[in-house]
Amino acid sequence: MSKEKTLEVLQVSIDALSENDYNPNVVTDDDMVKLRGNIAMFGIRQPIIARKNPDKEGTYVIVDGEHRWSIAKELGLKIVPVVVEELSREEAMLETISMNKFRGENDSMKLGKVLKELRGHFTDSILLERLGYTEEELDSFIELVDFDFNSLSTSEDDLSDFDEKDDTPIQMVNDFVVPVTLHQLDMIETALKVMQRADENFDRPKALYAICDKYLSKASDADYQKVLNRATDLNKA
């Protein structure tokens, strides 16, 4: 009968720990306030997971628990409970992303960069099994990293139908609802935020229009012309 692996909890100086350089996890301000209150009252009850720092002996890089560690440091704690695991950087990345699913949210762009790096070390089947993503989700996050947002047109000519200075009366305003998964919604929101950072006057309708226009430009000339003709007909209505 095989024995279960026993993880030893060490009491480690808080200054011997450092955050990793890839964690895509984001925690809301409200959750950070709650976490701070909990740690202030009870201390850190769930050990931080870390691995040995290959660049500095006697120190550790956090795999899971970065927010607990940062709050503990702010509160002046000197010693924190730590479980040290023998992990390579890539294995640590896998574990970090896997643990993030149980708390906070991931920044899609940062997550995409991590997944792109991991794809160079693991097969897709291993990533899907270890991280719980679908193949579509995995591809979407990585494609977001590779997407050239600068290629999206933001000129007034291309977005003339949405010119805020256009005095032409609006004939019709339509809302539409598209069911998406949480991952897809996060992807869309991240793309919009990236585009809005590039141009402060680039609002959400214009951003969606530009994304669709860029996508349709890859279609056949005949199909693309049909879309343009349809837009012209609607403007005349």
Protein backbone atom coordinates (compact mmCIF):
# COMPACT_ATOMS: atom_id res chain seq x y z
CA MET A 1 0.00 0.00 0.00
CA SER A 2 1.46 3.38 -1.03
CA LYS A 3 1.76 6.07 1.59
CA GLU A 4 0.10 9.41 1.13
CA LYS A 5 2.47 12.30 0.57
CA THR A 6 2.92 14.34 3.73
CA LEU A 7 3.52 18.05 3.24
CA GLU A 8 5.57 19.71 5.95
CA VAL A 9 4.47 23.18 6.99
CA LEU A 10 7.48 25.39 7.68
CA GLN A 11 7.54 28.68 9.57
CA VAL A 12 9.37 30.98 7.18
CA SER A 13 10.51 34.59 7.47
CA ILE A 14 8.17 36.74 5.39
CA ASP A 15 11.18 38.48 3.85
CA ALA A 16 12.45 35.15 2.49
CA LEU A 17 9.42 35.02 0.17
CA SER A 18 8.87 36.87 -3.09
CA GLU A 19 6.04 36.98 -5.62
CA ASN A 20 6.38 35.22 -8.96
CA ASP A 21 6.53 37.20 -12.21
CA TYR A 22 3.60 35.60 -14.00
CA ASN A 23 0.56 35.37 -11.70
CA PRO A 24 -2.50 36.54 -13.70
CA ASN A 25 -4.82 36.48 -10.67
CA VAL A 26 -6.68 39.68 -9.78
CA VAL A 27 -8.62 40.14 -6.53
CA THR A 28 -11.20 42.91 -6.09
CA ASP A 29 -10.65 45.69 -3.56
CA ASP A 30 -13.62 44.44 -1.51
CA ASP A 31 -12.18 40.93 -1.31
CA MET A 32 -8.79 42.31 -0.31
CA VAL A 33 -10.42 44.26 2.53
CA LYS A 34 -12.17 41.09 3.73
CA LEU A 35 -8.96 39.07 3.46
CA ARG A 36 -7.04 41.74 5.34
CA GLY A 37 -9.61 41.70 8.16
CA ASN A 38 -9.48 37.92 8.37
CA ILE A 39 -5.68 37.79 8.52
CA ALA A 40 -5.57 40.63 11.05
CA MET A 41 -7.89 38.66 13.32
CA PHE A 42 -6.75 35.07 12.80
CA GLY A 43 -3.39 35.23 11.03
CA ILE A 44 -2.64 33.07 8.00
CA ARG A 45 -4.46 29.80 8.56
CA GLN A 46 -3.91 28.40 5.06
CA PRO A 47 -0.20 27.88 4.32
CA ILE A 48 1.40 29.65 1.40
CA ILE A 49 2.68 27.33 -1.33
CA ALA A 50 6.17 28.13 -2.57
CA ARG A 51 9.16 26.67 -4.35
CA LYS A 52 12.85 27.22 -3.78
CA ASN A 53 14.23 30.29 -5.50
CA PRO A 54 16.83 28.96 -7.97
CA ASP A 55 18.57 32.35 -8.05
CA LYS A 56 19.00 32.91 -4.30
CA GLU A 57 19.65 30.20 -1.76
CA GLY A 58 17.49 30.21 1.33
CA THR A 59 14.64 32.11 -0.30
CA TYR A 60 11.40 31.04 -1.95
CA VAL A 61 9.11 32.08 -4.81
CA ILE A 62 5.38 32.02 -4.10
CA VAL A 63 3.28 29.60 -6.14
CA ASP A 64 -0.04 30.17 -4.35
CA GLY A 65 -0.88 32.76 -1.69
CA GLU A 66 0.60 35.98 -3.05
CA HIS A 67 -2.26 38.15 -1.75
CA ARG A 68 -2.12 36.56 1.72
CA TRP A 69 1.63 37.18 1.78
CA SER A 70 1.35 40.85 0.70
CA ILE A 71 -1.31 41.57 3.35
CA ALA A 72 0.69 39.77 6.04
CA LYS A 73 3.66 41.93 5.12
CA GLU A 74 1.55 45.09 5.35
CA LEU A 75 0.31 43.99 8.77
CA GLY A 76 3.84 43.52 10.01
CA LEU A 77 3.86 39.73 10.36
CA LYS A 78 7.40 38.39 10.52
CA ILE A 79 6.79 34.64 10.14
CA VAL A 80 4.25 32.88 7.90
CA PRO A 81 3.37 29.19 7.34
CA VAL A 82 4.75 27.84 4.09
CA VAL A 83 4.67 24.52 2.27
CA VAL A 84 7.70 24.18 0.00
CA GLU A 85 7.24 21.99 -3.08
CA GLU A 86 9.87 20.77 -5.51
CA LEU A 87 8.59 22.38 -8.70
CA SER A 88 10.10 23.67 -11.89
CA ARG A 89 8.99 27.10 -13.07
CA GLU A 90 6.61 25.51 -15.58
CA GLU A 91 5.09 23.15 -13.00
CA ALA A 92 4.68 26.10 -10.65
CA MET A 93 2.86 28.05 -13.35
CA LEU A 94 0.46 25.16 -13.85
CA GLU A 95 -0.25 24.96 -10.14
CA THR A 96 -0.73 28.71 -9.80
CA ILE A 97 -3.32 28.85 -12.57
CA SER A 98 -5.06 25.74 -11.27
CA MET A 99 -5.33 27.21 -7.74
CA ASN A 100 -6.49 30.59 -9.09
CA LYS A 101 -9.71 28.98 -10.26
CA PHE A 102 -10.84 28.81 -6.64
CA ARG A 103 -10.29 32.47 -5.83
CA GLY A 104 -10.25 35.85 -7.56
CA GLU A 105 -10.23 36.27 -11.34
CA ASN A 106 -7.58 36.05 -14.00
CA ASP A 107 -6.38 38.92 -16.14
CA SER A 108 -6.98 37.43 -19.59
CA MET A 109 -3.94 39.04 -21.20
CA LYS A 110 -1.58 37.86 -18.44
CA LEU A 111 -3.18 34.42 -18.46
CA GLY A 112 -2.74 34.21 -22.22
CA LYS A 113 0.98 35.00 -21.89
CA VAL A 114 1.39 32.27 -19.26
CA LEU A 115 -0.50 29.72 -21.37
CA LYS A 116 1.54 30.62 -24.43
CA GLU A 117 4.76 29.99 -22.48
CA LEU A 118 3.43 26.73 -21.05
CA ARG A 119 2.46 25.54 -24.53
CA GLY A 120 6.17 25.52 -25.31
CA HIS A 121 6.75 22.99 -22.51
CA PHE A 122 3.60 20.85 -22.38
CA THR A 123 1.24 19.28 -24.90
CA ASP A 124 -2.27 20.72 -25.19
CA SER A 125 -3.73 17.51 -23.77
CA ILE A 126 -1.69 17.96 -20.58
CA LEU A 127 -2.67 21.63 -20.29
CA LEU A 128 -6.36 20.83 -20.77
CA GLU A 129 -6.22 18.06 -18.18
CA ARG A 130 -4.24 20.03 -15.60
CA LEU A 131 -6.00 23.38 -15.98
CA GLY A 132 -9.55 22.37 -16.83
CA TYR A 133 -9.93 24.60 -19.87
CA THR A 134 -11.53 23.55 -23.13
CA GLU A 135 -9.43 23.56 -26.28
CA GLU A 136 -11.42 26.56 -27.52
CA GLU A 137 -10.72 28.52 -24.33
CA LEU A 138 -7.02 27.67 -24.47
CA ASP A 139 -6.75 28.85 -28.07
CA SER A 140 -8.77 32.01 -27.35
CA PHE A 141 -6.52 33.16 -24.50
CA ILE A 142 -3.37 32.60 -26.55
CA GLU A 143 -4.83 34.26 -29.65
CA LEU A 144 -5.58 37.33 -27.55
CA VAL A 145 -1.86 37.70 -26.80
CA ASP A 146 -0.91 37.39 -30.48
CA PHE A 147 -3.67 39.69 -31.73
CA ASP A 148 -2.43 42.98 -33.21
CA PHE A 149 -4.79 45.55 -31.72
CA ASN A 150 -2.98 48.30 -33.61
CA SER A 151 -4.24 46.75 -36.82
CA LEU A 152 -7.79 47.64 -35.89
CA SER A 153 -8.91 50.75 -37.69
CA THR A 154 -9.86 53.72 -35.54
CA SER A 155 -10.05 56.34 -38.26
CA GLU A 156 -13.05 58.59 -38.60
CA ASP A 157 -13.58 57.42 -42.18
CA ASP A 158 -13.87 53.78 -41.21
CA LEU A 159 -16.10 54.58 -38.24
CA SER A 160 -18.14 57.34 -39.86
CA ASP A 161 -21.41 55.55 -39.14
CA PHE A 162 -20.67 56.01 -35.44
CA ASP A 163 -19.37 59.58 -35.54
CA GLU A 164 -20.58 61.36 -32.42
CA LYS A 165 -20.49 64.65 -34.36
CA ASP A 166 -22.75 63.31 -37.10
CA ASP A 167 -25.97 65.39 -37.06
CA THR A 168 -27.92 62.81 -39.04
CA PRO A 169 -30.95 61.70 -37.00
CA ILE A 170 -30.65 58.19 -35.65
CA GLN A 171 -33.32 56.10 -37.26
CA MET A 172 -32.99 53.02 -35.12
CA VAL A 173 -31.04 51.79 -32.12
CA ASN A 174 -30.91 48.06 -31.50
CA ASP A 175 -29.74 46.09 -28.49
CA PHE A 176 -28.67 42.51 -29.01
CA VAL A 177 -27.94 39.75 -26.54
CA VAL A 178 -25.41 36.99 -27.20
CA PRO A 179 -25.00 34.15 -24.69
CA VAL A 180 -21.32 33.61 -23.87
CA THR A 181 -19.35 31.67 -21.29
CA LEU A 182 -17.60 33.48 -18.43
CA HIS A 183 -14.25 32.95 -20.15
CA GLN A 184 -15.59 34.38 -23.41
CA LEU A 185 -17.07 37.38 -21.58
CA ASP A 186 -13.75 38.01 -19.87
CA MET A 187 -12.01 37.79 -23.23
CA ILE A 188 -14.38 40.34 -24.79
CA GLU A 189 -14.10 42.74 -21.87
CA THR A 190 -10.30 42.53 -21.91
CA ALA A 191 -10.17 43.23 -25.66
CA LEU A 192 -12.41 46.27 -25.21
CA LYS A 193 -10.31 47.59 -22.32
CA VAL A 194 -7.11 47.21 -24.36
CA MET A 195 -8.65 49.13 -27.25
CA GLN A 196 -10.05 51.84 -24.99
CA ARG A 197 -6.61 52.35 -23.40
CA ALA A 198 -5.22 52.96 -26.88
CA ASP A 199 -7.77 55.67 -27.64
CA GLU A 200 -9.68 57.47 -24.88
CA ASN A 201 -12.41 58.45 -27.35
CA PHE A 202 -12.83 54.89 -28.59
CA ASP A 203 -16.11 53.82 -26.96
CA ARG A 204 -17.56 50.32 -26.68
CA PRO A 205 -19.84 50.40 -29.77
CA LYS A 206 -16.96 51.65 -31.90
CA ALA A 207 -14.66 49.01 -30.44
CA LEU A 208 -17.07 46.18 -31.23
CA TYR A 209 -17.64 47.58 -34.70
CA ALA A 210 -13.90 47.76 -35.40
CA ILE A 211 -13.33 44.20 -34.19
CA CYS A 212 -16.14 42.90 -36.41
CA ASP A 213 -14.91 44.97 -39.34
CA LYS A 214 -11.39 43.55 -38.94
CA TYR A 215 -12.76 40.00 -38.78
CA LEU A 216 -14.97 40.48 -41.84
CA SER A 217 -12.09 41.90 -43.83
CA LYS A 218 -10.66 38.36 -43.82
CA ALA A 219 -13.79 37.03 -45.52
CA SER A 220 -14.14 36.73 -49.27
CA ASP A 221 -14.54 39.96 -51.23
CA ALA A 222 -18.08 38.98 -52.20
CA ASP A 223 -19.18 38.32 -48.61
CA TYR A 224 -17.53 41.49 -47.36
CA GLN A 225 -19.25 43.53 -50.07
CA LYS A 226 -22.61 42.10 -49.03
CA VAL A 227 -22.02 43.39 -45.51
CA LEU A 228 -21.07 46.84 -46.79
CA ASN A 229 -24.15 46.94 -49.03
CA ARG A 230 -26.35 45.94 -46.10
CA ALA A 231 -24.88 48.75 -43.98
CA THR A 232 -25.51 51.24 -46.80
CA ASP A 233 -29.14 50.12 -47.10
CA LEU A 234 -29.67 50.50 -43.35
CA ASN A 235 -28.24 54.03 -43.41
CA LYS A 236 -30.67 54.98 -46.15
CA ALA A 237 -33.65 53.56 -44.25
